[in-house]
Amino acid sequence: MRTRIIFSLKNRGAYVPFHHQYLLAQVIKGLLIFGPEKNYLDFTHYNFSGLKGQTKVSRKGLHYFSSKVTLVFACSDKGFMDYFLARLFEQKEVIVGNLHLVPDAVEQEEPVTIGDEARFLCISPVVVIPAAFNDESGKKFVSPESDEFSDLLYDSTIARMEAYARYTAEQLTSFYKFQIVPDHDYIQRIQASHKKFARIYPLYDNDVKFEVRGYTFPFTLYAAKEVQQFVYENGLGYFTHKGFGMLDVANNDSIQRAPHQEMVYA
């Protein structure tokens, strides 16, 4: 289940850092901590994008000039999704960096059926190695065209599917097929233009700042359809609940743009 959350921007021209997922993660965590349902305090099976809107880049970050700003939020658990949206729309205003956002409406993305082969785009960076305290290994570069890259993401995906507790041991064992094939031409073009498809990004966990390497490039994933659907709805890699690893299917226009489902303040 994927939803577009639409905000009205009160202060056009305000900015956030180029990578601002950690600010969004703090807002989401605050909504859960100070909400009435304590069973969701440690819930991590959700995923979200950065804020989308009309932007300009400066040394300070991304300045937003559109009247509306959107956030893609994904979760397979309808109960959590309903609870989170209810908590969000209780807020008369949400502050993210310097942005003052007013929750306005939601749009449901139409379901996408994926087979055992799918071409994905990275909406947010994919993290293949987890961060650890006082350890630089999370910033290690792994070539996307290596078997190690696929193996690391396979291990994290199966571990997350097991923790989600909706798949039997027999199902998890059957999900042995998993291969990521990056768009070789895209990577060559990026490298030839001296740009980057892998960068170091900040994240915070238990008030501790970590740095991880995230990758953004198109790729084809060969895996069981259940695995494909899981990563589409819950993200790929580590720290998906902190805004990393959100994917979209290439050439997919899955947003149902009308009508809006209006949300009112509590």
Protein backbone atom coordinates (compact mmCIF):
# COMPACT_ATOMS: atom_id res chain seq x y z
CA MET A 1 0.00 0.00 0.00
CA ARG A 2 1.53 3.26 -1.17
CA THR A 3 0.08 6.70 -0.53
CA ARG A 4 0.92 10.21 -1.66
CA ILE A 5 0.53 12.68 1.21
CA ILE A 6 -0.08 16.22 -0.02
CA PHE A 7 0.88 19.25 2.07
CA SER A 8 0.26 22.94 1.58
CA LEU A 9 3.47 24.94 1.94
CA LYS A 10 2.96 28.05 4.05
CA ASN A 11 6.38 29.66 3.50
CA ARG A 12 7.44 29.38 -0.12
CA GLY A 13 11.17 29.65 -0.65
CA ALA A 14 12.00 27.82 2.58
CA TYR A 15 14.57 25.07 2.35
CA VAL A 16 15.69 21.70 3.65
CA PRO A 17 19.00 19.87 3.12
CA PHE A 18 19.30 18.08 -0.21
CA HIS A 19 18.97 14.79 1.65
CA HIS A 20 16.36 15.43 4.33
CA GLN A 21 15.02 11.95 5.05
CA TYR A 22 16.45 12.08 8.58
CA LEU A 23 14.29 15.15 9.29
CA LEU A 24 11.20 13.33 8.05
CA ALA A 25 12.15 10.28 10.12
CA GLN A 26 12.28 12.46 13.23
CA VAL A 27 8.80 13.83 12.51
CA ILE A 28 7.39 10.33 11.95
CA LYS A 29 9.02 9.03 15.13
CA GLY A 30 7.61 11.96 17.09
CA LEU A 31 4.09 11.22 15.86
CA LEU A 32 4.46 7.60 17.01
CA ILE A 33 6.11 8.35 20.38
CA PHE A 34 3.49 10.88 21.41
CA GLY A 35 0.54 8.96 19.97
CA PRO A 36 -1.89 6.87 22.04
CA GLU A 37 -1.10 3.51 20.37
CA LYS A 38 2.08 2.26 22.05
CA ASN A 39 2.14 -1.01 20.09
CA TYR A 40 3.55 0.94 17.13
CA LEU A 41 6.46 2.55 18.99
CA ASP A 42 8.98 0.08 17.57
CA PHE A 43 7.20 -0.62 14.28
CA THR A 44 9.62 -0.26 11.37
CA HIS A 45 7.86 -1.91 8.41
CA TYR A 46 7.26 1.27 6.44
CA ASN A 47 9.08 3.36 3.88
CA PHE A 48 8.95 6.92 2.54
CA SER A 49 10.47 9.24 -0.03
CA GLY A 50 11.87 12.74 0.18
CA LEU A 51 9.59 15.73 -0.27
CA LYS A 52 8.59 16.43 -3.87
CA GLY A 53 7.73 19.84 -5.27
CA GLN A 54 9.02 22.69 -7.41
CA THR A 55 12.54 23.29 -6.11
CA LYS A 56 15.70 25.25 -6.70
CA VAL A 57 19.12 24.27 -5.45
CA SER A 58 21.37 26.56 -3.43
CA ARG A 59 24.26 26.12 -1.04
CA LYS A 60 21.73 25.79 1.77
CA GLY A 61 19.86 22.91 0.11
CA LEU A 62 16.54 22.57 -1.69
CA HIS A 63 14.26 25.62 -1.74
CA TYR A 64 10.58 24.82 -2.35
CA PHE A 65 8.52 27.30 -4.38
CA SER A 66 5.37 25.30 -5.16
CA SER A 67 2.21 25.76 -3.14
CA LYS A 68 1.92 21.97 -2.69
CA VAL A 69 4.56 19.49 -1.50
CA THR A 70 4.11 15.73 -1.60
CA LEU A 71 5.52 12.74 0.25
CA VAL A 72 5.20 9.10 -0.85
CA PHE A 73 4.58 6.83 2.15
CA ALA A 74 4.41 3.03 1.86
CA CYS A 75 3.44 0.26 4.26
CA SER A 76 1.96 -3.23 3.87
CA ASP A 77 0.15 -2.98 7.22
CA LYS A 78 -3.18 -1.18 6.72
CA GLY A 79 -3.71 -0.79 10.45
CA PHE A 80 -0.46 1.11 10.83
CA MET A 81 -1.09 3.16 7.70
CA ASP A 82 -4.51 4.27 8.97
CA TYR A 83 -3.10 5.08 12.41
CA PHE A 84 -0.16 7.06 11.03
CA LEU A 85 -2.35 9.12 8.68
CA ALA A 86 -4.79 9.84 11.51
CA ARG A 87 -1.93 11.05 13.73
CA LEU A 88 -0.48 13.17 10.92
CA PHE A 89 -3.77 14.88 10.12
CA GLU A 90 -4.28 15.74 13.77
CA GLN A 91 -1.42 18.20 13.32
CA LYS A 92 -2.34 21.71 12.18
CA GLU A 93 1.22 22.18 10.98
CA VAL A 94 4.31 20.02 10.49
CA ILE A 95 7.76 21.59 10.52
CA VAL A 96 10.47 19.88 8.45
CA GLY A 97 13.70 21.84 8.46
CA ASN A 98 12.56 25.35 7.56
CA LEU A 99 9.39 24.19 5.79
CA HIS A 100 6.04 24.84 7.44
CA LEU A 101 3.69 22.22 6.01
CA VAL A 102 -0.06 21.82 6.48
CA PRO A 103 -1.45 18.29 5.87
CA ASP A 104 -3.95 18.69 3.05
CA ALA A 105 -4.99 15.41 1.38
CA VAL A 106 -3.92 11.91 0.41
CA GLU A 107 -3.91 10.04 -2.89
CA GLN A 108 -3.77 6.26 -3.01
CA GLU A 109 -1.46 4.74 -5.58
CA GLU A 110 -3.16 2.04 -7.56
CA PRO A 111 -1.77 -1.46 -6.82
CA VAL A 112 1.04 -2.64 -9.10
CA THR A 113 1.34 -6.29 -10.05
CA ILE A 114 4.96 -7.38 -10.47
CA GLY A 115 6.26 -10.68 -11.84
CA ASP A 116 9.64 -12.34 -11.28
CA GLU A 117 11.47 -9.67 -13.29
CA ALA A 118 11.07 -5.94 -12.77
CA ARG A 119 12.95 -2.79 -13.66
CA PHE A 120 13.13 -0.37 -10.73
CA LEU A 121 14.14 3.24 -10.20
CA CYS A 122 15.53 4.47 -6.88
CA ILE A 123 13.34 7.21 -5.41
CA SER A 124 15.68 7.35 -2.42
CA PRO A 125 19.18 5.91 -1.84
CA VAL A 126 19.56 2.17 -1.26
CA VAL A 127 21.82 1.21 1.67
CA VAL A 128 23.52 -2.18 1.38
CA ILE A 129 25.66 -2.16 4.56
CA PRO A 130 24.20 -1.16 7.94
CA ALA A 131 25.84 1.50 10.09
CA ALA A 132 27.39 0.59 13.42
CA PHE A 133 28.58 2.73 16.31
CA ASN A 134 32.23 3.81 16.02
CA ASP A 135 32.57 1.85 12.79
CA GLU A 136 33.22 3.17 9.29
CA SER A 137 32.17 -0.01 7.46
CA GLY A 138 28.77 1.48 6.58
CA LYS A 139 30.52 3.84 4.16
CA LYS A 140 32.30 1.08 2.24
CA PHE A 141 31.77 1.15 -1.52
CA VAL A 142 30.48 -2.05 -3.11
CA SER A 143 30.27 -2.25 -6.90
CA PRO A 144 26.62 -2.63 -7.96
CA GLU A 145 27.76 -4.99 -10.72
CA SER A 146 29.33 -7.42 -8.23
CA ASP A 147 27.72 -10.52 -6.73
CA GLU A 148 28.47 -9.07 -3.29
CA PHE A 149 26.04 -6.21 -3.93
CA SER A 150 23.18 -8.60 -4.71
CA ASP A 151 24.13 -10.91 -1.84
CA LEU A 152 24.08 -8.11 0.73
CA LEU A 153 20.66 -6.93 -0.40
CA TYR A 154 19.34 -10.49 -0.53
CA ASP A 155 20.40 -11.08 3.09
CA SER A 156 18.78 -7.86 4.32
CA THR A 157 15.57 -8.50 2.34
CA ILE A 158 15.07 -12.04 3.62
CA ALA A 159 15.84 -10.92 7.19
CA ARG A 160 13.21 -8.18 6.93
CA MET A 161 10.65 -10.54 5.40
CA GLU A 162 11.28 -12.99 8.24
CA ALA A 163 10.89 -10.24 10.85
CA TYR A 164 7.63 -9.18 9.19
CA ALA A 165 6.27 -12.60 10.21
CA ARG A 166 3.89 -12.99 7.27
CA TYR A 167 5.86 -15.63 5.41
CA THR A 168 6.38 -19.26 6.36
CA ALA A 169 9.82 -20.82 6.70
CA GLU A 170 9.10 -22.83 3.55
CA GLN A 171 8.26 -19.66 1.61
CA LEU A 172 11.39 -17.89 2.76
CA THR A 173 13.50 -20.88 1.75
CA SER A 174 11.93 -20.84 -1.71
CA PHE A 175 12.95 -17.20 -2.24
CA TYR A 176 16.53 -18.14 -3.12
CA LYS A 177 16.47 -16.46 -6.52
CA PHE A 178 17.69 -12.88 -6.15
CA GLN A 179 19.86 -10.98 -8.59
CA ILE A 180 20.24 -7.25 -9.16
CA VAL A 181 21.47 -6.18 -12.58
CA PRO A 182 22.25 -2.44 -12.73
CA ASP A 183 21.75 -0.39 -15.88
CA HIS A 184 25.33 -0.57 -17.15
CA ASP A 185 24.89 2.24 -19.68
CA TYR A 186 23.48 4.57 -17.01
CA ILE A 187 26.40 3.94 -14.66
CA GLN A 188 28.90 4.52 -17.47
CA ARG A 189 27.22 7.81 -18.41
CA ILE A 190 27.24 8.99 -14.80
CA GLN A 191 30.90 8.13 -14.37
CA ALA A 192 31.84 9.72 -17.72
CA SER A 193 30.17 12.99 -16.65
CA HIS A 194 32.03 12.87 -13.28
CA LYS A 195 28.78 12.60 -11.34
CA LYS A 196 28.01 10.11 -8.59
CA PHE A 197 25.50 7.30 -8.15
CA ALA A 198 26.84 6.47 -4.65
CA ARG A 199 27.11 9.05 -1.88
CA ILE A 200 27.52 9.28 1.89
CA TYR A 201 24.28 10.18 3.71
CA PRO A 202 23.51 11.03 7.36
CA LEU A 203 20.99 9.24 9.54
CA TYR A 204 20.18 9.29 13.23
CA ASP A 205 19.36 6.34 15.46
CA ASN A 206 18.72 6.73 19.19
CA ASP A 207 20.05 10.31 18.93
CA VAL A 208 23.37 9.06 17.51
CA LYS A 209 24.47 10.31 14.09
CA PHE A 210 25.62 7.67 11.62
CA GLU A 211 26.83 7.88 8.04
CA VAL A 212 25.99 5.33 5.38
CA ARG A 213 26.64 4.93 1.68
CA GLY A 214 23.52 5.05 -0.47
CA TYR A 215 23.15 4.12 -4.14
CA THR A 216 20.75 5.58 -6.71
CA PHE A 217 20.57 4.02 -10.18
CA PRO A 218 18.06 2.05 -12.28
CA PHE A 219 18.30 -1.72 -12.12
CA THR A 220 16.50 -4.93 -12.97
CA LEU A 221 15.66 -7.30 -10.13
CA TYR A 222 15.20 -11.02 -10.75
CA ALA A 223 13.39 -12.55 -7.79
CA ALA A 224 10.14 -14.27 -6.81
CA LYS A 225 7.07 -12.09 -7.26
CA GLU A 226 6.48 -12.09 -3.48
CA VAL A 227 9.95 -10.62 -2.97
CA GLN A 228 9.39 -8.06 -5.73
CA GLN A 229 6.12 -6.96 -4.13
CA PHE A 230 7.72 -6.77 -0.69
CA VAL A 231 10.55 -4.44 -1.74
CA TYR A 232 8.15 -2.30 -3.79
CA GLU A 233 5.89 -1.79 -0.77
CA ASN A 234 8.51 -1.78 1.99
CA GLY A 235 11.73 -0.61 0.37
CA LEU A 236 15.05 -2.27 -0.41
CA GLY A 237 18.11 -2.51 1.82
CA TYR A 238 18.72 -1.19 5.32
CA PHE A 239 17.06 1.74 7.14
CA THR A 240 13.96 1.74 4.97
CA HIS A 241 11.99 3.13 7.95
CA LYS A 242 14.36 6.10 7.89
CA GLY A 243 13.59 7.00 4.29
CA PHE A 244 16.12 4.89 2.42
CA GLY A 245 15.55 2.34 -0.33
CA MET A 246 12.22 3.49 -1.77
CA LEU A 247 11.69 2.17 -5.30
CA ASP A 248 9.35 2.78 -8.18
CA VAL A 249 8.65 0.57 -11.17
CA ALA A 250 10.12 2.06 -14.34
CA ASN A 251 7.57 3.54 -16.76
CA ASN A 252 4.85 3.24 -14.14
CA ASP A 253 2.21 5.92 -13.65
CA SER A 254 0.46 4.34 -10.70
CA ILE A 255 -0.86 7.48 -9.02
CA GLN A 256 -4.61 7.71 -8.97
CA ARG A 257 -4.91 11.47 -9.17
CA ALA A 258 -8.66 11.90 -8.79
CA PRO A 259 -10.53 12.18 -6.66
CA HIS A 260 -8.47 13.26 -3.62
CA GLN A 261 -9.35 11.68 -0.32
CA GLU A 262 -9.68 14.72 1.87
CA MET A 263 -8.54 14.49 5.49
CA VAL A 264 -9.91 16.80 8.15
CA TYR A 265 -8.31 17.88 11.41
CA ALA A 266 -9.32 16.03 14.52
